Amino acid sequence: MNKFQPTKISEIKKIWEEESFALKKALSQNFLIDNNVVKKIIDHAEVQPGDTILEIGPGSGALTVEILQRGATVYAVEYDKDVSHILKKYLSSNPNFHLIEGDILKQDLSFLKAPVKIISNLPYHITSPIIAMIADYLDTFTSATLMVQKEMADRILAEAPSNNRSSFSIFTSYYFEKKALFLVKPGSFTPKPKVDSIILSLIPKKELPLADPNPFFDFVRKAFSQKRKMISSTIKDQPIAQTLKKNGSNPKARPEELSLEQFLALYKALT
């Protein structure tokens, strides 16, 4: 095989047969095979020659191959040893390809030197923890171009007031400028998932309002613990209604009705 073509389904299935590879449902393995989608993702990420890219969950290597063809260096973190074996076999001859085997959530990424771009078809079952991990490296990463399940994208992007809002909506708004780029249908994958996907752009904010945001996030999670109730009913040990009214917000507000700025104003007034 002269050229590795991971978006060519016949080639991928041939490789899987040769390597006795079996998909693992527990790892949310839906591999991207649509070359047009691959190119759109890389274009939106503005990959340039000489860039350093962290790819989380390279899978069959569709994004990896395109990134390498653009002249960038790829650090690919893959959990599945069987997938890693295939990637090493077909890509290790490229000096710009670096494979890291293991759980992305257990990796020390301090070896990466800014600026680094993240590109990933995120494993659906651990999307939230991975985005939270990205927030720990804001000085390293300049952008994250991520494929996520549409339902998760709706939660991340939801603005007040919205039933889709959650504490994670506030968390991501705190750390990132967020934007939906485009929709990806199930037919772009093998095997086909049962849901649509969204390509998201997350750009780290350069200035953050709190020196230690963890108590603030604890406060937000508590407010959302009963999201259909008024915040004043959920958090009864503080003068929530009075403070909201003083700040010009609805004293009967539910958490999904408050913006990040309103949550910050409420938290700062109470503390």
Foldseek 3Di string as FASTA:
>chain_A
DPADQLLPVVNLVVVCVVLVNDDDVVQLDWAFNDLVVLVVLCVVLVQAAAAEEEEEACQSPSNVVVSVVRNYAYEYEHADPSSVVVCCVRPVVRPSYHYHYHDPLPDDPPVQAPAYEYEYADRAVCVLSVVVVVLVPLVHYFKYWYKYFVLVVCQCPDFAQDPSDALNVLVLVQFWDKDWDDKAAQVRTVPRDPGIITTMMTGTDPDGDDPDCVVLSVLRNQLRVPQVFFSCVSDVVFCQLVQCVVVVHHSRDGSSRDGSVSSVSSVVVGD
